[in-house]
Amino acid sequence: MAASGSSRSMESRTGRAKQRYNTKGERLVAGVVPLSADKNYVLLIQSTRRKGWVLPKGGWETDEECNAAAEREAWEEAGILITIDYDLGEIKETRPPKKHSSKDKERSLYQFYEGTVVSEEEDWPEKEKRERKWFTFADASELLKDRPELLTALERSTIKR
């Protein structure tokens, strides 16, 4: 219960008013590979846009550090408090752009971090939209096979294979 008070400073954000883009016009996205303390499991969340499971991630905003954005996304989307352990580097998006997007050519550049889950909170901003579940490396790899940028982040992490 001690950690439940720590969600207080995490504010949920919506919209893209403060969204960062690089000089190539790529949307900068911060993400996390949330691992159990023993490194045997990764926590995935259900995607709200597509069916299936994904890693917590979202826009890195102009008024925050990238690792803080990753921590915020972990809280908003998965309801977890994490300690960031490693910078997993940049990963370019390789999927074709969304067909119905008004920003047809918008691509994302992901910055992923590995984090240890310190606390799973009972209430979080996207609780009504998302389920969260722990998976082994083998199961998570299979679930992320159609999302190469997410699979790459998982493969770069120290999760036990």
C-alpha atoms as a PDB file:
ATOM      1  CA  MET A   1       0.000   0.000   0.000  1.00  0.00           C
ATOM      2  CA  ALA A   2       2.919   2.379   0.569  1.00  0.00           C
ATOM      3  CA  ALA A   3       3.288   3.158  -3.134  1.00  0.00           C
ATOM      4  CA  SER A   4      -0.341   4.081  -3.741  1.00  0.00           C
ATOM      5  CA  GLY A   5       0.245   7.636  -2.605  1.00  0.00           C
ATOM      6  CA  SER A   6       2.996   8.043  -5.176  1.00  0.00           C
ATOM      7  CA  SER A   7       0.564   8.216  -8.095  1.00  0.00           C
ATOM      8  CA  ARG A   8      -0.437  11.674  -6.862  1.00  0.00           C
ATOM      9  CA  SER A   9       2.134  13.616  -8.855  1.00  0.00           C
ATOM     10  CA  MET A  10       1.469  11.722 -12.057  1.00  0.00           C
ATOM     11  CA  GLU A  11      -1.002  13.735 -14.044  1.00  0.00           C
ATOM     12  CA  SER A  12      -2.789  12.267 -17.022  1.00  0.00           C
ATOM     13  CA  ARG A  13      -2.415  14.143 -20.276  1.00  0.00           C
ATOM     14  CA  THR A  14      -4.480  14.188 -23.446  1.00  0.00           C
ATOM     15  CA  GLY A  15      -4.042  15.755 -26.865  1.00  0.00           C
ATOM     16  CA  ARG A  16      -0.927  16.580 -28.814  1.00  0.00           C
ATOM     17  CA  ALA A  17      -0.501  20.305 -28.153  1.00  0.00           C
ATOM     18  CA  LYS A  18       2.920  19.753 -26.549  1.00  0.00           C
ATOM     19  CA  GLN A  19       3.965  16.874 -28.812  1.00  0.00           C
ATOM     20  CA  ARG A  20       7.622  16.769 -29.876  1.00  0.00           C
ATOM     21  CA  TYR A  21       8.711  16.204 -33.472  1.00  0.00           C
ATOM     22  CA  ASN A  22      12.238  15.960 -34.804  1.00  0.00           C
ATOM     23  CA  THR A  23      13.636  17.780 -37.852  1.00  0.00           C
ATOM     24  CA  LYS A  24      12.418  14.959 -40.140  1.00  0.00           C
ATOM     25  CA  GLY A  25       8.855  15.462 -38.891  1.00  0.00           C
ATOM     26  CA  GLU A  26       8.845  12.197 -36.954  1.00  0.00           C
ATOM     27  CA  ARG A  27       6.671  12.149 -33.825  1.00  0.00           C
ATOM     28  CA  LEU A  28       8.879  11.400 -30.812  1.00  0.00           C
ATOM     29  CA  VAL A  29       7.417   8.611 -28.687  1.00  0.00           C
ATOM     30  CA  ALA A  30       8.620   7.429 -25.272  1.00  0.00           C
ATOM     31  CA  GLY A  31       7.978   3.847 -24.234  1.00  0.00           C
ATOM     32  CA  VAL A  32       8.807   1.342 -21.554  1.00  0.00           C
ATOM     33  CA  VAL A  33       9.459  -2.393 -21.371  1.00  0.00           C
ATOM     34  CA  PRO A  34       8.066  -3.011 -17.856  1.00  0.00           C
ATOM     35  CA  LEU A  35       9.669  -6.079 -16.292  1.00  0.00           C
ATOM     36  CA  SER A  36       9.038  -7.987 -13.088  1.00  0.00           C
ATOM     37  CA  ALA A  37      11.799  -7.646 -10.483  1.00  0.00           C
ATOM     38  CA  ASP A  38      13.089 -11.158 -11.304  1.00  0.00           C
ATOM     39  CA  LYS A  39      13.131 -10.296 -15.051  1.00  0.00           C
ATOM     40  CA  ASN A  40      10.967 -13.357 -15.858  1.00  0.00           C
ATOM     41  CA  TYR A  41       7.927 -11.407 -17.079  1.00  0.00           C
ATOM     42  CA  VAL A  42       6.958  -8.332 -19.084  1.00  0.00           C
ATOM     43  CA  LEU A  43       3.725  -6.411 -18.529  1.00  0.00           C
ATOM     44  CA  LEU A  44       1.744  -5.760 -21.709  1.00  0.00           C
ATOM     45  CA  ILE A  45      -1.418  -3.713 -22.146  1.00  0.00           C
ATOM     46  CA  GLN A  46      -4.265  -4.030 -24.591  1.00  0.00           C
ATOM     47  CA  SER A  47      -4.104  -1.647 -27.521  1.00  0.00           C
ATOM     48  CA  THR A  48      -6.998   0.805 -27.724  1.00  0.00           C
ATOM     49  CA  ARG A  49      -6.711   1.310 -31.510  1.00  0.00           C
ATOM     50  CA  ARG A  50      -6.042  -2.218 -32.730  1.00  0.00           C
ATOM     51  CA  LYS A  51      -6.736  -5.561 -31.215  1.00  0.00           C
ATOM     52  CA  GLY A  52      -3.863  -7.179 -29.422  1.00  0.00           C
ATOM     53  CA  TRP A  53      -1.224  -6.354 -26.850  1.00  0.00           C
ATOM     54  CA  VAL A  54       1.389  -3.590 -26.794  1.00  0.00           C
ATOM     55  CA  LEU A  55       4.014  -1.993 -24.575  1.00  0.00           C
ATOM     56  CA  PRO A  56       3.095   1.246 -22.768  1.00  0.00           C
ATOM     57  CA  LYS A  57       4.171   4.191 -24.925  1.00  0.00           C
ATOM     58  CA  GLY A  58       3.077   7.615 -26.009  1.00  0.00           C
ATOM     59  CA  GLY A  59       4.101  11.076 -27.054  1.00  0.00           C
ATOM     60  CA  TRP A  60       7.136  12.709 -25.468  1.00  0.00           C
ATOM     61  CA  GLU A  61       6.048  16.239 -24.645  1.00  0.00           C
ATOM     62  CA  THR A  62       8.001  19.486 -24.782  1.00  0.00           C
ATOM     63  CA  ASP A  63       7.883  20.139 -21.038  1.00  0.00           C
ATOM     64  CA  GLU A  64       9.313  16.816 -19.834  1.00  0.00           C
ATOM     65  CA  GLU A  65      12.394  14.641 -20.099  1.00  0.00           C
ATOM     66  CA  CYS A  66      12.034  11.526 -22.258  1.00  0.00           C
ATOM     67  CA  ASN A  67      12.425   9.105 -19.337  1.00  0.00           C
ATOM     68  CA  ALA A  68       9.759  11.061 -17.420  1.00  0.00           C
ATOM     69  CA  ALA A  69       7.443  10.692 -20.428  1.00  0.00           C
ATOM     70  CA  ALA A  70       8.034   6.916 -20.372  1.00  0.00           C
ATOM     71  CA  GLU A  71       7.210   6.806 -16.650  1.00  0.00           C
ATOM     72  CA  ARG A  72       4.069   8.887 -17.248  1.00  0.00           C
ATOM     73  CA  GLU A  73       2.894   6.614 -20.071  1.00  0.00           C
ATOM     74  CA  ALA A  74       3.461   3.538 -17.871  1.00  0.00           C
ATOM     75  CA  TRP A  75       1.222   5.160 -15.246  1.00  0.00           C
ATOM     76  CA  GLU A  76      -1.475   6.415 -17.629  1.00  0.00           C
ATOM     77  CA  GLU A  77      -1.777   3.287 -19.756  1.00  0.00           C
ATOM     78  CA  ALA A  78      -0.832   0.446 -17.387  1.00  0.00           C
ATOM     79  CA  GLY A  79      -1.325   1.859 -13.896  1.00  0.00           C
ATOM     80  CA  ILE A  80       2.196   0.950 -12.892  1.00  0.00           C
ATOM     81  CA  LEU A  81       4.949   2.804 -11.109  1.00  0.00           C
ATOM     82  CA  ILE A  82       8.372   1.907 -12.460  1.00  0.00           C
ATOM     83  CA  THR A  83      12.037   2.455 -11.852  1.00  0.00           C
ATOM     84  CA  ILE A  84      13.890   3.001 -15.111  1.00  0.00           C
ATOM     85  CA  ASP A  85      16.920   0.719 -15.324  1.00  0.00           C
ATOM     86  CA  TYR A  86      18.220   1.043 -18.888  1.00  0.00           C
ATOM     87  CA  ASP A  87      17.946   3.227 -21.959  1.00  0.00           C
ATOM     88  CA  LEU A  88      17.134   0.798 -24.789  1.00  0.00           C
ATOM     89  CA  GLY A  89      17.830   3.374 -27.506  1.00  0.00           C
ATOM     90  CA  GLU A  90      15.934   4.715 -30.483  1.00  0.00           C
ATOM     91  CA  ILE A  91      13.822   2.484 -32.716  1.00  0.00           C
ATOM     92  CA  LYS A  92      12.434   3.691 -36.034  1.00  0.00           C
ATOM     93  CA  GLU A  93       8.874   2.870 -36.996  1.00  0.00           C
ATOM     94  CA  THR A  94       8.824   0.506 -39.969  1.00  0.00           C
ATOM     95  CA  ARG A  95       5.086  -0.067 -40.388  1.00  0.00           C
ATOM     96  CA  PRO A  96       3.338   1.589 -43.306  1.00  0.00           C
ATOM     97  CA  PRO A  97       1.592   4.853 -42.312  1.00  0.00           C
ATOM     98  CA  LYS A  98      -2.023   4.595 -41.165  1.00  0.00           C
ATOM     99  CA  LYS A  99      -4.345   4.646 -44.177  1.00  0.00           C
ATOM    100  CA  HIS A 100      -6.965   6.990 -42.738  1.00  0.00           C
ATOM    101  CA  SER A 101      -4.590   9.321 -40.967  1.00  0.00           C
ATOM    102  CA  SER A 102      -4.880  13.013 -41.761  1.00  0.00           C
ATOM    103  CA  LYS A 103      -1.114  13.101 -41.324  1.00  0.00           C
ATOM    104  CA  ASP A 104      -0.520  10.481 -43.993  1.00  0.00           C
ATOM    105  CA  LYS A 105       3.238  10.563 -43.831  1.00  0.00           C
ATOM    106  CA  GLU A 106       3.586  10.916 -40.062  1.00  0.00           C
ATOM    107  CA  ARG A 107       6.119   8.455 -38.720  1.00  0.00           C
ATOM    108  CA  SER A 108       7.205   7.838 -35.168  1.00  0.00           C
ATOM    109  CA  LEU A 109      10.645   7.546 -33.646  1.00  0.00           C
ATOM    110  CA  TYR A 110      10.500   5.506 -30.448  1.00  0.00           C
ATOM    111  CA  GLN A 111      12.765   5.922 -27.434  1.00  0.00           C
ATOM    112  CA  PHE A 112      12.362   2.894 -25.188  1.00  0.00           C
ATOM    113  CA  TYR A 113      13.497   2.285 -21.629  1.00  0.00           C
ATOM    114  CA  GLU A 114      13.595  -0.861 -19.556  1.00  0.00           C
ATOM    115  CA  GLY A 115      11.910  -0.458 -16.199  1.00  0.00           C
ATOM    116  CA  THR A 116      11.235  -2.561 -13.149  1.00  0.00           C
ATOM    117  CA  VAL A 117       7.627  -2.488 -11.983  1.00  0.00           C
ATOM    118  CA  VAL A 118       7.602  -1.224  -8.397  1.00  0.00           C
ATOM    119  CA  SER A 119       3.828  -1.064  -7.911  1.00  0.00           C
ATOM    120  CA  GLU A 120       0.636  -2.021  -9.762  1.00  0.00           C
ATOM    121  CA  GLU A 121      -2.061   0.475  -8.807  1.00  0.00           C
ATOM    122  CA  GLU A 122      -5.754  -0.446  -8.630  1.00  0.00           C
ATOM    123  CA  ASP A 123      -6.935   2.729 -10.352  1.00  0.00           C
ATOM    124  CA  TRP A 124      -5.264   4.530 -13.233  1.00  0.00           C
ATOM    125  CA  PRO A 125      -6.268   6.963 -15.998  1.00  0.00           C
ATOM    126  CA  GLU A 126      -6.891   4.388 -18.760  1.00  0.00           C
ATOM    127  CA  LYS A 127      -8.220   1.553 -16.571  1.00  0.00           C
ATOM    128  CA  GLU A 128     -11.584   1.525 -18.381  1.00  0.00           C
ATOM    129  CA  LYS A 129      -9.889   1.256 -21.799  1.00  0.00           C
ATOM    130  CA  ARG A 130      -7.081  -1.200 -21.148  1.00  0.00           C
ATOM    131  CA  GLU A 131      -6.367  -4.557 -19.585  1.00  0.00           C
ATOM    132  CA  ARG A 132      -2.852  -5.332 -18.353  1.00  0.00           C
ATOM    133  CA  LYS A 133      -1.276  -8.767 -18.105  1.00  0.00           C
ATOM    134  CA  TRP A 134       2.109 -10.362 -17.407  1.00  0.00           C
ATOM    135  CA  PHE A 135       3.721 -12.501 -20.122  1.00  0.00           C
ATOM    136  CA  THR A 136       6.887 -14.555 -20.542  1.00  0.00           C
ATOM    137  CA  PHE A 137       9.387 -13.517 -23.219  1.00  0.00           C
ATOM    138  CA  ALA A 138       8.188 -16.289 -25.555  1.00  0.00           C
ATOM    139  CA  ASP A 139       4.511 -15.322 -25.235  1.00  0.00           C
ATOM    140  CA  ALA A 140       5.181 -11.583 -25.474  1.00  0.00           C
ATOM    141  CA  SER A 141       7.391 -12.082 -28.553  1.00  0.00           C
ATOM    142  CA  GLU A 142       4.558 -13.901 -30.286  1.00  0.00           C
ATOM    143  CA  LEU A 143       2.028 -11.210 -29.330  1.00  0.00           C
ATOM    144  CA  LEU A 144       4.308  -8.395 -30.571  1.00  0.00           C
ATOM    145  CA  LYS A 145       5.396 -10.089 -33.813  1.00  0.00           C
ATOM    146  CA  ASP A 146       3.344  -7.690 -35.973  1.00  0.00           C
ATOM    147  CA  ARG A 147       4.806  -4.640 -34.213  1.00  0.00           C
ATOM    148  CA  PRO A 148       8.531  -4.741 -35.090  1.00  0.00           C
ATOM    149  CA  GLU A 149       9.383  -1.597 -33.113  1.00  0.00           C
ATOM    150  CA  LEU A 150       7.867  -3.079 -29.937  1.00  0.00           C
ATOM    151  CA  LEU A 151       9.435  -6.481 -30.504  1.00  0.00           C
ATOM    152  CA  THR A 152      12.841  -4.825 -30.966  1.00  0.00           C
ATOM    153  CA  ALA A 153      12.436  -3.017 -27.629  1.00  0.00           C
ATOM    154  CA  LEU A 154      11.539  -6.289 -25.896  1.00  0.00           C
ATOM    155  CA  GLU A 155      14.511  -8.054 -27.497  1.00  0.00           C
ATOM    156  CA  ARG A 156      16.869  -5.280 -26.329  1.00  0.00           C
ATOM    157  CA  SER A 157      15.687  -5.677 -22.728  1.00  0.00           C
ATOM    158  CA  THR A 158      17.265  -7.943 -20.101  1.00  0.00           C
ATOM    159  CA  ILE A 159      14.152 -10.140 -19.758  1.00  0.00           C
ATOM    160  CA  LYS A 160      15.034 -13.791 -19.207  1.00  0.00           C
ATOM    161  CA  ARG A 161      14.587 -15.785 -22.412  1.00  0.00           C
END
